Amino acid sequence: MNSNIYNKADQMRSAARQKNGDYGNPELQGEGNYTASRRYRKYVDAFLETGQVIEAAKAAAPNTEAERRELKAAESEARSHARK
């Protein structure tokens, strides 16, 4: 019986390799992707060095009262799902 379970697992891994073509590729990472984290920090640091943070924040601000209310409602909804 246990050998059936292992055979099924092997079959599933083989199918995933064939379907994705990237199964087991060490370059691809899931959660904890250190490469992506380093790249993100690099671009954030570069953006911060441009000195355009305040301008970007102003550009992202809501333009109308209705948009402001919509963003506030979305923020409240998101916070309601946050861990406490």
C-alpha atoms as a PDB file:
ATOM      1  CA  MET A   1       0.000   0.000   0.000  1.00  0.00           C
ATOM      2  CA  ASN A   2       2.769   2.468   0.891  1.00  0.00           C
ATOM      3  CA  SER A   3       4.487   1.797  -2.427  1.00  0.00           C
ATOM      4  CA  ASN A   4       1.292   2.900  -4.200  1.00  0.00           C
ATOM      5  CA  ILE A   5       1.401   6.218  -2.363  1.00  0.00           C
ATOM      6  CA  TYR A   6       5.040   6.756  -3.321  1.00  0.00           C
ATOM      7  CA  ASN A   7       4.389   5.776  -6.939  1.00  0.00           C
ATOM      8  CA  LYS A   8       1.486   8.226  -7.118  1.00  0.00           C
ATOM      9  CA  ALA A   9       3.680  11.000  -5.672  1.00  0.00           C
ATOM     10  CA  ASP A  10       6.374  10.245  -8.266  1.00  0.00           C
ATOM     11  CA  GLN A  11       3.795  10.369 -11.029  1.00  0.00           C
ATOM     12  CA  MET A  12       2.516  13.732  -9.809  1.00  0.00           C
ATOM     13  CA  ARG A  13       6.054  15.168  -9.660  1.00  0.00           C
ATOM     14  CA  SER A  14       6.758  13.924 -13.197  1.00  0.00           C
ATOM     15  CA  ALA A  15       3.534  15.474 -14.457  1.00  0.00           C
ATOM     16  CA  ALA A  16       4.432  18.790 -12.795  1.00  0.00           C
ATOM     17  CA  ARG A  17       7.877  18.742 -14.416  1.00  0.00           C
ATOM     18  CA  GLN A  18       6.393  18.110 -17.826  1.00  0.00           C
ATOM     19  CA  LYS A  19       3.661  20.707 -17.436  1.00  0.00           C
ATOM     20  CA  ASN A  20       5.770  23.509 -15.974  1.00  0.00           C
ATOM     21  CA  GLY A  21       9.131  22.700 -17.445  1.00  0.00           C
ATOM     22  CA  ASP A  22      10.680  24.421 -14.435  1.00  0.00           C
ATOM     23  CA  TYR A  23       9.953  22.011 -11.610  1.00  0.00           C
ATOM     24  CA  GLY A  24      12.965  21.749  -9.353  1.00  0.00           C
ATOM     25  CA  ASN A  25      14.747  24.723 -10.906  1.00  0.00           C
ATOM     26  CA  PRO A  26      16.853  26.260  -8.112  1.00  0.00           C
ATOM     27  CA  GLU A  27      16.572  29.678  -9.780  1.00  0.00           C
ATOM     28  CA  LEU A  28      12.825  29.727  -9.081  1.00  0.00           C
ATOM     29  CA  GLN A  29      11.783  30.340  -5.514  1.00  0.00           C
ATOM     30  CA  GLY A  30       8.474  30.595  -3.721  1.00  0.00           C
ATOM     31  CA  GLU A  31       7.961  32.357  -0.426  1.00  0.00           C
ATOM     32  CA  GLY A  32      11.237  33.620   0.933  1.00  0.00           C
ATOM     33  CA  ASN A  33      12.562  34.531  -2.501  1.00  0.00           C
ATOM     34  CA  TYR A  34      15.829  36.161  -1.477  1.00  0.00           C
ATOM     35  CA  THR A  35      16.733  37.174  -5.008  1.00  0.00           C
ATOM     36  CA  ALA A  36      13.479  39.072  -5.448  1.00  0.00           C
ATOM     37  CA  SER A  37      13.865  40.666  -2.011  1.00  0.00           C
ATOM     38  CA  ARG A  38      17.327  41.945  -2.840  1.00  0.00           C
ATOM     39  CA  ARG A  39      16.134  43.273  -6.218  1.00  0.00           C
ATOM     40  CA  TYR A  40      13.144  45.010  -4.576  1.00  0.00           C
ATOM     41  CA  ARG A  41      15.339  46.653  -1.909  1.00  0.00           C
ATOM     42  CA  LYS A  42      17.768  47.783  -4.612  1.00  0.00           C
ATOM     43  CA  TYR A  43      14.999  49.522  -6.574  1.00  0.00           C
ATOM     44  CA  VAL A  44      13.424  51.035  -3.451  1.00  0.00           C
ATOM     45  CA  ASP A  45      16.790  52.426  -2.369  1.00  0.00           C
ATOM     46  CA  ALA A  46      17.379  53.821  -5.860  1.00  0.00           C
ATOM     47  CA  PHE A  47      13.944  55.479  -5.826  1.00  0.00           C
ATOM     48  CA  LEU A  48      14.528  56.972  -2.397  1.00  0.00           C
ATOM     49  CA  GLU A  49      17.815  58.440  -3.595  1.00  0.00           C
ATOM     50  CA  THR A  50      16.022  60.291  -6.414  1.00  0.00           C
ATOM     51  CA  GLY A  51      14.318  62.513  -3.844  1.00  0.00           C
ATOM     52  CA  GLN A  52      10.948  62.143  -5.587  1.00  0.00           C
ATOM     53  CA  VAL A  53       9.125  60.489  -2.704  1.00  0.00           C
ATOM     54  CA  ILE A  54       6.989  63.499  -1.800  1.00  0.00           C
ATOM     55  CA  GLU A  55       6.041  64.110  -5.436  1.00  0.00           C
ATOM     56  CA  ALA A  56       5.071  60.434  -5.832  1.00  0.00           C
ATOM     57  CA  ALA A  57       2.974  60.580  -2.667  1.00  0.00           C
ATOM     58  CA  LYS A  58       1.168  63.671  -3.915  1.00  0.00           C
ATOM     59  CA  ALA A  59       0.547  62.033  -7.298  1.00  0.00           C
ATOM     60  CA  ALA A  60      -0.924  58.974  -5.559  1.00  0.00           C
ATOM     61  CA  ALA A  61      -3.249  61.039  -3.363  1.00  0.00           C
ATOM     62  CA  PRO A  62      -6.967  60.945  -4.174  1.00  0.00           C
ATOM     63  CA  ASN A  63      -8.114  63.672  -6.550  1.00  0.00           C
ATOM     64  CA  THR A  64     -11.749  63.881  -5.464  1.00  0.00           C
ATOM     65  CA  GLU A  65     -13.740  63.484  -2.276  1.00  0.00           C
ATOM     66  CA  ALA A  66     -15.433  60.393  -3.718  1.00  0.00           C
ATOM     67  CA  GLU A  67     -12.051  58.810  -4.452  1.00  0.00           C
ATOM     68  CA  ARG A  68     -10.887  59.645  -0.918  1.00  0.00           C
ATOM     69  CA  ARG A  69     -13.961  57.932   0.566  1.00  0.00           C
ATOM     70  CA  GLU A  70     -13.433  54.902  -1.675  1.00  0.00           C
ATOM     71  CA  LEU A  71      -9.807  54.571  -0.568  1.00  0.00           C
ATOM     72  CA  LYS A  72     -10.780  54.963   3.101  1.00  0.00           C
ATOM     73  CA  ALA A  73     -13.414  52.236   2.741  1.00  0.00           C
ATOM     74  CA  ALA A  74     -10.887  49.917   1.084  1.00  0.00           C
ATOM     75  CA  GLU A  75      -8.396  50.603   3.870  1.00  0.00           C
ATOM     76  CA  SER A  76     -11.015  49.852   6.530  1.00  0.00           C
ATOM     77  CA  GLU A  77     -11.938  46.617   4.766  1.00  0.00           C
ATOM     78  CA  ALA A  78      -8.306  45.536   4.550  1.00  0.00           C
ATOM     79  CA  ARG A  79      -7.653  46.390   8.199  1.00  0.00           C
ATOM     80  CA  SER A  80     -10.663  44.342   9.258  1.00  0.00           C
ATOM     81  CA  HIS A  81      -8.876  41.249   7.939  1.00  0.00           C
ATOM     82  CA  ALA A  82      -5.539  42.024   9.596  1.00  0.00           C
ATOM     83  CA  ARG A  83      -4.252  39.999  12.498  1.00  0.00           C
ATOM     84  CA  LYS A  84      -4.391  41.683  15.822  1.00  0.00           C
END
